[in-house]
Amino acid sequence: MTTNTASQRPQRLWSILSQYWALIIATAIALVALVNMWRPDAIAYFREHASSFEKFTLILFLVMLLPPLVERLRLPGAVGLLFGGVLLGPYVFAIVPPDAPVLDLVASVGRVFLMFTAGLEIDMRVFNATRNRSIGFGAMTFTFPLLCGIGAALCFGFAWVAALLIGSLIASHTLLGFPIVNKLGLGKSEPVAVTVGATIFTDIASLLVLAVCISIHQGGFSLMGLGIQLISIAIFAVIVLQGLPLLGHIYFHHHRENEQALFIFTFFIVMVAAVGAHLIHLEDIVGAFLAGIAVNRLLERSPVRAKVIMMGEGLFIPLFFLAIGIRLNLPVFGATLLNSLWFVVAITAALLVGKFLAAVATRWFYGYDWPATLTMWSLSLPQVAATLAAAIAAYDAVNAEGDRLITESVLNAVIVLMVLTAILGPVLTERFGSRMTSSEEKSVAIP
């Protein structure tokens, strides 16, 4: 049988050559031409002469290439996209100028879809099944890091509004490690379900603190102003969380056979929620996140859901991370690492300690064992989606005097924190999740 297979190989090779000879020759000529073109002036061509279409093709190539490469290093694809943006930016190849008007649109739509997808992917059934414990852990895993972050920021001389905002940035979390615990068979265990449900609380609370801080920074603090802002947020939340599902049910009922119309409608209501947030002086990401929660159940069994997520995660969100990389000021980023290293260390320590205290308190209240407690801690460490989107919004918030809510150094510190926790969180989750699996197996084996 081996001999027959060996004798058939030349025949298969000849069949392939005879069928695709034109393609093989054309590909060889193209490769020779590309190798000949790959000189320093090729970069100059993209920098000075390439059309917008050619630059966009290059951007799509990086979106396709970089995330899988960095994921092999156990890093999230967002890190590779940030690196790609740096390559395109003014401090490396200078192909895309950071002040290009299209970048504003790309960054805005990308961060809106980032938060909409975060709300859309929250499993409301899991949250409802563990509601009380999820709210309890959510409150603790939000409050402890918030207080630790405020303390760290005040120690470095930040004003109280900026310190409150910095504390809220590390109070939320991104469930990067959930695929790991799901693979270990822990996706439906109570401690993991509680951590997943807590994401709703931490994300909403962080976004509310962001909205209040930006409002105070731009308009000054007053009890009346704060009260009006909170009432506006409450009214807006009711309209979005109850009005959008009602409107969606009506529209979906009348156009259930037209997937294109349903897709455009879903896209439209995301933008409406984002614009509506702006009208009451909220950030667009607040409206987008609430819209994701609002239409979560509506899109649950619709094929439109997969298409919306594919459009967001496949195009808009990667372009958002690339835009951040393009706008990243490398000299300031380097200076942040050198001159503000202790601030980065302090914020990282505040995150680690705050999240750990929350997990330990949850263990004390609900009686979880140490493997489950440490798994909950590691799951709540990564700071990627909501943290980065909120940091960008805070950096863009400018008051009448031209002062930003947070400095570029703080934004760069958040990016460093994002990379560190994106590595540390999944690594610890795999380690403690394995211990949690062993602990559950032992408890089952004991009669």
Protein backbone atom coordinates (compact mmCIF):
# COMPACT_ATOMS: atom_id res chain seq x y z
CA MET A 1 0.00 0.00 0.00
CA THR A 2 2.93 2.29 0.75
CA THR A 3 4.46 1.50 -2.65
CA ASN A 4 1.24 2.38 -4.46
CA THR A 5 1.04 5.68 -2.58
CA ALA A 6 4.65 6.52 -3.46
CA SER A 7 4.06 5.73 -7.12
CA GLN A 8 0.99 7.95 -7.21
CA ARG A 9 2.84 11.04 -5.96
CA PRO A 10 4.54 11.91 -9.29
CA GLN A 11 1.18 11.52 -11.03
CA ARG A 12 -0.51 13.88 -8.55
CA LEU A 13 2.32 16.39 -8.88
CA TRP A 14 2.09 16.29 -12.67
CA SER A 15 -1.69 16.70 -12.47
CA ILE A 16 -1.32 19.79 -10.28
CA LEU A 17 1.38 21.29 -12.55
CA SER A 18 -0.65 20.69 -15.68
CA GLN A 19 -3.79 22.20 -14.16
CA TYR A 20 -2.25 25.24 -12.46
CA TRP A 21 0.84 25.94 -14.58
CA ALA A 22 -0.31 29.45 -15.47
CA LEU A 23 -0.98 30.31 -11.83
CA ILE A 24 2.42 28.95 -10.73
CA ILE A 25 4.29 30.97 -13.36
CA ALA A 26 2.31 34.15 -12.62
CA THR A 27 2.88 33.76 -8.87
CA ALA A 28 6.62 33.22 -9.37
CA ILE A 29 6.90 36.37 -11.52
CA ALA A 30 4.87 38.37 -8.96
CA LEU A 31 7.08 37.18 -6.09
CA VAL A 32 10.23 38.16 -7.99
CA ALA A 33 8.72 41.58 -8.66
CA LEU A 34 7.72 42.03 -5.01
CA VAL A 35 11.17 41.04 -3.77
CA ASN A 36 12.68 43.53 -6.21
CA MET A 37 10.30 46.24 -4.98
CA TRP A 38 11.01 45.65 -1.30
CA ARG A 39 13.53 48.41 -0.80
CA PRO A 40 13.48 51.42 1.53
CA ASP A 41 11.65 53.41 -1.14
CA ALA A 42 8.68 51.00 -0.82
CA ILE A 43 7.96 52.53 2.59
CA ALA A 44 8.42 55.97 1.07
CA TYR A 45 5.85 55.07 -1.59
CA PHE A 46 3.24 54.16 1.02
CA ARG A 47 4.13 57.28 2.98
CA GLU A 48 4.03 59.81 0.13
CA HIS A 49 2.31 58.38 -2.95
CA ALA A 50 -0.03 55.56 -1.94
CA SER A 51 -3.74 56.19 -2.36
CA SER A 52 -6.20 55.91 0.52
CA PHE A 53 -7.37 52.63 -1.00
CA GLU A 54 -3.83 51.20 -0.94
CA LYS A 55 -3.29 52.33 2.65
CA PHE A 56 -6.59 50.78 3.69
CA THR A 57 -5.52 47.51 2.04
CA LEU A 58 -2.31 47.62 4.07
CA ILE A 59 -4.34 48.23 7.25
CA LEU A 60 -6.58 45.24 6.52
CA PHE A 61 -3.47 43.12 5.96
CA LEU A 62 -2.21 44.07 9.44
CA VAL A 63 -5.65 43.38 10.96
CA MET A 64 -5.55 39.91 9.41
CA LEU A 65 -1.87 39.16 10.20
CA LEU A 66 -1.01 40.57 13.64
CA PRO A 67 -3.67 39.22 16.05
CA PRO A 68 -2.97 35.52 15.28
CA LEU A 69 0.77 36.14 15.64
CA VAL A 70 0.56 37.71 19.10
CA GLU A 71 -2.05 35.20 20.26
CA ARG A 72 0.59 32.51 19.80
CA LEU A 73 2.54 34.40 22.48
CA ARG A 74 -0.53 34.17 24.77
CA LEU A 75 -1.31 37.84 24.30
CA PRO A 76 -4.68 39.24 23.22
CA GLY A 77 -4.98 40.28 19.59
CA ALA A 78 -5.49 43.89 20.72
CA VAL A 79 -1.81 44.10 21.68
CA GLY A 80 -0.77 43.15 18.14
CA LEU A 81 -3.16 45.74 16.70
CA LEU A 82 -1.70 48.44 18.95
CA PHE A 83 1.76 47.46 17.73
CA GLY A 84 0.54 47.61 14.13
CA GLY A 85 -0.80 51.10 14.74
CA VAL A 86 2.57 52.17 16.13
CA LEU A 87 4.24 50.87 12.95
CA LEU A 88 1.86 52.91 10.79
CA GLY A 89 2.16 55.98 13.02
CA PRO A 90 4.48 58.99 12.87
CA TYR A 91 7.31 57.52 14.96
CA VAL A 92 8.06 54.47 12.80
CA PHE A 93 6.96 54.38 9.14
CA ALA A 94 4.73 57.51 9.21
CA ILE A 95 2.28 56.01 6.71
CA VAL A 96 -0.91 57.24 8.42
CA PRO A 97 -0.84 60.71 10.04
CA PRO A 98 -2.30 60.77 13.58
CA ASP A 99 -4.38 63.86 12.78
CA ALA A 100 -6.13 62.26 9.78
CA PRO A 101 -9.86 63.13 10.02
CA VAL A 102 -10.87 59.56 9.20
CA LEU A 103 -9.13 58.36 12.38
CA ASP A 104 -11.65 60.25 14.51
CA LEU A 105 -14.51 58.43 12.81
CA VAL A 106 -12.77 55.06 12.99
CA ALA A 107 -11.87 55.49 16.67
CA SER A 108 -15.36 56.70 17.62
CA VAL A 109 -17.25 53.94 15.80
CA GLY A 110 -14.76 51.34 17.02
CA ARG A 111 -15.04 52.20 20.69
CA VAL A 112 -18.85 52.40 20.41
CA PHE A 113 -18.97 48.90 18.93
CA LEU A 114 -16.44 47.68 21.51
CA MET A 115 -18.80 48.58 24.34
CA PHE A 116 -21.94 47.52 22.44
CA THR A 117 -20.41 44.08 21.88
CA ALA A 118 -19.42 43.92 25.57
CA GLY A 119 -23.05 44.47 26.53
CA LEU A 120 -24.37 42.16 23.83
CA GLU A 121 -22.18 39.22 24.88
CA ILE A 122 -23.21 39.32 28.54
CA ASP A 123 -25.17 36.18 29.33
CA MET A 124 -28.24 37.49 31.16
CA ARG A 125 -29.36 33.96 32.06
CA VAL A 126 -26.11 33.41 33.98
CA PHE A 127 -26.56 36.75 35.71
CA ASN A 128 -30.16 36.01 36.67
CA ALA A 129 -29.23 32.58 38.00
CA THR A 130 -26.66 34.05 40.41
CA ARG A 131 -28.03 37.59 40.66
CA ASN A 132 -27.56 38.27 44.37
CA ARG A 133 -24.07 36.80 44.59
CA SER A 134 -23.04 38.43 41.30
CA ILE A 135 -24.14 41.83 42.58
CA GLY A 136 -22.35 41.18 45.87
CA PHE A 137 -19.07 40.20 44.24
CA GLY A 138 -19.50 42.95 41.65
CA ALA A 139 -19.88 45.56 44.38
CA MET A 140 -16.79 44.32 46.18
CA THR A 141 -14.59 43.83 43.11
CA PHE A 142 -15.55 47.37 42.09
CA THR A 143 -15.23 49.12 45.46
CA PHE A 144 -11.93 47.70 46.71
CA PRO A 145 -9.91 48.50 43.54
CA LEU A 146 -11.68 51.88 43.32
CA LEU A 147 -10.51 52.85 46.81
CA CYS A 148 -7.00 51.48 46.24
CA GLY A 149 -6.75 53.33 42.93
CA ILE A 150 -7.98 56.60 44.46
CA GLY A 151 -5.41 56.27 47.24
CA ALA A 152 -2.58 55.60 44.80
CA ALA A 153 -3.57 58.53 42.56
CA LEU A 154 -3.85 60.95 45.51
CA CYS A 155 -0.39 59.91 46.69
CA PHE A 156 0.98 61.02 43.30
CA GLY A 157 -0.65 64.44 43.50
CA PHE A 158 -3.71 64.02 41.29
CA ALA A 159 -6.81 66.09 41.93
CA TRP A 160 -9.70 64.24 43.54
CA VAL A 161 -11.80 64.09 40.34
CA ALA A 162 -8.91 62.62 38.36
CA ALA A 163 -8.13 60.27 41.28
CA LEU A 164 -11.74 59.05 41.33
CA LEU A 165 -11.60 58.46 37.59
CA ILE A 166 -8.28 56.59 37.82
CA GLY A 167 -9.72 54.40 40.57
CA SER A 168 -12.77 53.57 38.44
CA LEU A 169 -10.56 52.61 35.49
CA ILE A 170 -9.13 49.64 37.39
CA ALA A 171 -12.44 48.69 39.01
CA SER A 172 -13.94 46.98 35.95
CA HIS A 173 -12.59 43.86 34.25
CA THR A 174 -12.54 42.02 30.94
CA LEU A 175 -13.14 38.25 30.97
CA LEU A 176 -10.10 37.27 28.91
CA GLY A 177 -9.70 34.09 30.93
CA PHE A 178 -13.26 32.83 30.46
CA PRO A 179 -12.39 30.60 27.45
CA ILE A 180 -9.76 28.95 29.66
CA VAL A 181 -12.15 28.06 32.48
CA ASN A 182 -14.76 27.04 29.92
CA LYS A 183 -12.25 24.63 28.39
CA LEU A 184 -11.53 23.24 31.86
CA GLY A 185 -15.24 22.51 32.27
CA LEU A 186 -15.80 25.28 34.83
CA GLY A 187 -17.93 27.58 32.69
CA LYS A 188 -21.13 26.70 34.56
CA SER A 189 -19.65 26.47 38.06
CA GLU A 190 -21.06 28.97 40.54
CA PRO A 191 -17.84 30.96 41.28
CA VAL A 192 -17.21 31.46 37.55
CA ALA A 193 -20.87 32.33 36.91
CA VAL A 194 -20.74 34.86 39.75
CA THR A 195 -17.64 36.45 38.24
CA VAL A 196 -19.25 36.63 34.81
CA GLY A 197 -22.38 38.21 36.29
CA ALA A 198 -20.29 40.70 38.26
CA THR A 199 -19.01 42.09 34.95
CA ILE A 200 -22.38 43.78 34.41
CA PHE A 201 -22.11 45.60 37.74
CA THR A 202 -18.47 46.67 37.37
CA ASP A 203 -18.85 47.88 33.78
CA ILE A 204 -21.98 49.91 34.49
CA ALA A 205 -20.56 51.36 37.71
CA SER A 206 -17.28 52.31 36.00
CA LEU A 207 -19.11 53.99 33.15
CA LEU A 208 -21.33 55.91 35.59
CA VAL A 209 -18.27 57.16 37.49
CA LEU A 210 -16.72 58.15 34.14
CA ALA A 211 -19.86 60.12 33.21
CA VAL A 212 -19.96 61.94 36.56
CA CYS A 213 -16.23 62.74 36.51
CA ILE A 214 -16.36 64.13 32.97
CA SER A 215 -19.42 66.21 33.85
CA ILE A 216 -17.70 67.67 36.93
CA HIS A 217 -14.46 68.27 35.03
CA GLN A 218 -16.17 70.15 32.21
CA GLY A 219 -18.85 72.00 34.16
CA GLY A 220 -17.60 72.21 37.73
CA PHE A 221 -19.00 70.54 40.83
CA SER A 222 -22.34 71.42 42.36
CA LEU A 223 -24.87 69.30 44.19
CA MET A 224 -27.62 70.50 41.88
CA GLY A 225 -25.55 69.78 38.79
CA LEU A 226 -24.65 66.33 40.09
CA GLY A 227 -28.29 65.61 40.90
CA ILE A 228 -29.44 66.70 37.45
CA GLN A 229 -26.75 64.54 35.85
CA LEU A 230 -27.78 61.46 37.86
CA ILE A 231 -31.47 62.02 37.07
CA SER A 232 -30.58 62.39 33.37
CA ILE A 233 -28.62 59.13 33.48
CA ALA A 234 -31.54 57.33 35.17
CA ILE A 235 -34.07 58.60 32.61
CA PHE A 236 -31.73 57.75 29.74
CA ALA A 237 -31.11 54.24 31.11
CA VAL A 238 -34.86 53.54 31.40
CA ILE A 239 -35.49 54.76 27.85
CA VAL A 240 -32.67 52.64 26.43
CA LEU A 241 -33.18 49.48 28.50
CA GLN A 242 -36.96 49.39 28.07
CA GLY A 243 -37.62 51.48 24.97
CA LEU A 244 -35.10 49.86 22.61
CA PRO A 245 -36.33 46.28 23.22
CA LEU A 246 -39.93 47.43 22.65
CA LEU A 247 -39.01 49.27 19.46
CA GLY A 248 -36.89 46.32 18.37
CA HIS A 249 -39.71 43.80 18.87
CA ILE A 250 -42.04 45.91 16.72
CA TYR A 251 -39.47 46.39 13.96
CA PHE A 252 -38.29 42.77 14.00
CA HIS A 253 -41.91 41.57 13.83
CA HIS A 254 -42.60 43.59 10.68
CA HIS A 255 -39.24 42.84 8.97
CA ARG A 256 -38.42 39.36 10.28
CA GLU A 257 -37.80 38.03 6.76
CA ASN A 258 -35.44 40.86 5.76
CA GLU A 259 -32.08 40.25 7.45
CA GLN A 260 -30.48 43.23 5.74
CA ALA A 261 -33.10 45.58 7.19
CA LEU A 262 -32.66 44.03 10.65
CA PHE A 263 -28.88 44.42 10.43
CA ILE A 264 -29.16 48.10 9.46
CA PHE A 265 -31.72 48.66 12.22
CA THR A 266 -29.40 47.13 14.84
CA PHE A 267 -26.52 49.27 13.61
CA PHE A 268 -28.83 52.30 13.71
CA ILE A 269 -30.00 51.83 17.29
CA VAL A 270 -26.39 51.52 18.48
CA MET A 271 -25.63 54.89 16.92
CA VAL A 272 -28.86 56.39 18.28
CA ALA A 273 -27.99 55.26 21.81
CA ALA A 274 -24.48 56.70 21.44
CA VAL A 275 -25.79 60.03 20.09
CA GLY A 276 -28.48 60.13 22.78
CA ALA A 277 -25.79 59.77 25.44
CA HIS A 278 -23.99 62.77 23.99
CA LEU A 279 -27.17 64.86 24.12
CA ILE A 280 -27.26 64.56 27.92
CA HIS A 281 -23.48 65.04 28.21
CA LEU A 282 -22.65 61.36 28.62
CA GLU A 283 -19.95 59.50 26.75
CA ASP A 284 -21.11 57.54 23.71
CA ILE A 285 -19.71 54.31 25.14
CA VAL A 286 -22.24 54.50 28.01
CA GLY A 287 -25.14 54.55 25.56
CA ALA A 288 -23.57 51.80 23.45
CA PHE A 289 -23.07 49.49 26.44
CA LEU A 290 -26.65 49.99 27.63
CA ALA A 291 -27.88 49.37 24.07
CA GLY A 292 -25.98 46.06 24.02
CA ILE A 293 -27.67 44.95 27.23
CA ALA A 294 -31.06 46.19 25.96
CA VAL A 295 -31.07 44.19 22.71
CA ASN A 296 -29.25 41.17 24.18
CA ARG A 297 -32.36 38.99 24.45
CA LEU A 298 -33.88 40.46 21.28
CA LEU A 299 -30.97 39.25 19.14
CA GLU A 300 -30.44 36.02 21.06
CA ARG A 301 -31.95 33.74 18.40
CA SER A 302 -31.54 36.01 15.40
CA PRO A 303 -28.88 35.40 12.73
CA VAL A 304 -28.35 39.17 12.77
CA ARG A 305 -26.55 38.84 16.12
CA ALA A 306 -23.66 36.87 14.62
CA LYS A 307 -23.38 39.32 11.72
CA VAL A 308 -23.31 42.35 14.01
CA ILE A 309 -20.65 40.78 16.22
CA MET A 310 -18.64 39.75 13.16
CA MET A 311 -18.78 43.30 11.77
CA GLY A 312 -17.73 44.78 15.10
CA GLU A 313 -15.04 42.31 16.10
CA GLY A 314 -13.81 41.76 12.54
CA LEU A 315 -13.51 45.37 11.42
CA PHE A 316 -14.58 48.27 13.66
CA ILE A 317 -12.94 47.15 16.92
CA PRO A 318 -9.59 46.19 15.30
CA LEU A 319 -9.54 49.58 13.55
CA PHE A 320 -10.14 51.22 16.94
CA PHE A 321 -7.05 49.57 18.43
CA LEU A 322 -5.01 50.44 15.33
CA ALA A 323 -6.11 54.06 15.64
CA ILE A 324 -4.92 54.14 19.26
CA GLY A 325 -1.54 52.76 18.18
CA ILE A 326 -1.24 55.35 15.40
CA ARG A 327 -1.94 58.15 17.87
CA LEU A 328 0.36 56.74 20.55
CA ASN A 329 3.09 59.25 21.33
CA LEU A 330 6.16 57.03 21.64
CA PRO A 331 8.44 59.66 23.30
CA VAL A 332 5.78 60.32 25.95
CA PHE A 333 5.14 56.58 26.30
CA GLY A 334 8.85 55.99 26.87
CA ALA A 335 8.99 58.88 29.32
CA THR A 336 6.04 57.38 31.19
CA LEU A 337 7.91 54.12 31.65
CA LEU A 338 11.04 55.94 32.80
CA ASN A 339 9.76 58.93 34.77
CA SER A 340 6.40 57.58 35.94
CA LEU A 341 7.45 54.00 36.58
CA TRP A 342 6.44 54.16 40.23
CA PHE A 343 2.99 55.41 39.28
CA VAL A 344 2.57 52.44 36.92
CA VAL A 345 3.76 50.13 39.73
CA ALA A 346 1.36 51.77 42.21
CA ILE A 347 -1.66 51.44 39.90
CA THR A 348 -0.79 47.81 39.13
CA ALA A 349 -0.40 47.07 42.85
CA ALA A 350 -3.72 48.82 43.58
CA LEU A 351 -5.41 46.61 41.00
CA LEU A 352 -3.87 43.36 42.26
CA VAL A 353 -4.51 44.14 45.94
CA GLY A 354 -8.00 45.54 45.40
CA LYS A 355 -9.20 42.60 43.32
CA PHE A 356 -7.60 40.14 45.77
CA LEU A 357 -9.33 41.74 48.76
CA ALA A 358 -12.65 41.53 46.90
CA ALA A 359 -12.15 37.83 46.15
CA VAL A 360 -11.17 37.09 49.77
CA ALA A 361 -14.21 38.98 51.07
CA THR A 362 -16.40 36.98 48.70
CA ARG A 363 -14.85 33.77 50.01
CA TRP A 364 -15.67 34.83 53.54
CA PHE A 365 -19.29 35.72 52.68
CA TYR A 366 -20.14 32.80 50.39
CA GLY A 367 -17.87 30.03 51.65
CA TYR A 368 -15.84 29.32 48.50
CA ASP A 369 -12.60 27.36 48.81
CA TRP A 370 -9.21 28.87 47.95
CA PRO A 371 -8.91 27.48 44.38
CA ALA A 372 -12.31 28.99 43.50
CA THR A 373 -11.41 32.27 45.23
CA LEU A 374 -8.11 32.60 43.37
CA THR A 375 -9.81 31.71 40.07
CA MET A 376 -12.32 34.53 40.64
CA TRP A 377 -9.43 36.88 41.43
CA SER A 378 -7.50 35.98 38.29
CA LEU A 379 -10.62 36.27 36.10
CA SER A 380 -11.23 39.80 37.37
CA LEU A 381 -7.68 41.07 36.70
CA PRO A 382 -7.49 41.80 32.93
CA GLN A 383 -8.13 45.45 32.03
CA VAL A 384 -8.76 45.67 28.29
CA ALA A 385 -12.10 46.63 26.73
CA ALA A 386 -14.01 48.91 29.11
CA THR A 387 -10.84 50.22 30.75
CA LEU A 388 -9.19 51.35 27.54
CA ALA A 389 -12.38 52.80 26.07
CA ALA A 390 -13.06 54.76 29.28
CA ALA A 391 -9.45 55.98 29.44
CA ILE A 392 -9.66 57.28 25.86
CA ALA A 393 -12.93 59.08 26.70
CA ALA A 394 -11.41 60.63 29.82
CA TYR A 395 -8.31 61.75 27.91
CA ASP A 396 -10.50 63.38 25.24
CA ALA A 397 -12.53 65.26 27.89
CA VAL A 398 -11.29 68.88 27.93
CA ASN A 399 -12.67 71.66 30.15
CA ALA A 400 -13.02 75.38 29.37
CA GLU A 401 -9.39 76.03 30.35
CA GLY A 402 -8.15 73.40 27.91
CA ASP A 403 -7.13 70.91 30.61
CA ARG A 404 -7.70 67.20 30.04
CA LEU A 405 -9.30 65.04 32.71
CA ILE A 406 -6.33 62.66 32.65
CA THR A 407 -2.89 63.31 31.20
CA GLU A 408 -1.22 61.44 28.38
CA SER A 409 1.04 59.81 30.95
CA VAL A 410 -1.99 58.30 32.70
CA LEU A 411 -3.33 57.06 29.36
CA ASN A 412 0.02 55.44 28.63
CA ALA A 413 0.06 53.90 32.11
CA VAL A 414 -3.35 52.37 31.35
CA ILE A 415 -1.96 50.88 28.12
CA VAL A 416 0.95 49.36 30.08
CA LEU A 417 -1.52 48.04 32.64
CA MET A 418 -3.62 46.56 29.83
CA VAL A 419 -0.65 44.63 28.45
CA LEU A 420 0.50 43.42 31.87
CA THR A 421 -2.92 42.21 33.02
CA ALA A 422 -3.69 40.69 29.62
CA ILE A 423 -0.67 38.45 30.16
CA LEU A 424 -0.95 37.86 33.90
CA GLY A 425 -4.71 37.27 34.11
CA PRO A 426 -5.02 34.30 31.69
CA VAL A 427 -1.81 32.71 33.00
CA LEU A 428 -3.10 32.79 36.58
CA THR A 429 -6.57 31.70 35.48
CA GLU A 430 -5.16 28.57 33.84
CA ARG A 431 -3.13 27.77 36.94
CA PHE A 432 -5.85 28.34 39.53
CA GLY A 433 -8.59 26.96 37.28
CA SER A 434 -6.71 23.66 37.08
CA ARG A 435 -6.52 23.59 40.88
CA MET A 436 -10.23 24.35 41.06
CA THR A 437 -10.96 21.43 38.72
CA SER A 438 -8.86 19.09 40.85
CA SER A 439 -10.57 20.32 44.00
CA GLU A 440 -14.05 19.71 42.54
CA GLU A 441 -13.05 16.24 41.34
CA LYS A 442 -11.79 15.35 44.84
CA SER A 443 -15.00 16.60 46.45
CA VAL A 444 -17.06 14.47 44.06
CA ALA A 445 -14.87 11.41 44.67
CA ILE A 446 -15.32 11.63 48.49
CA PRO A 447 -18.47 9.67 49.46
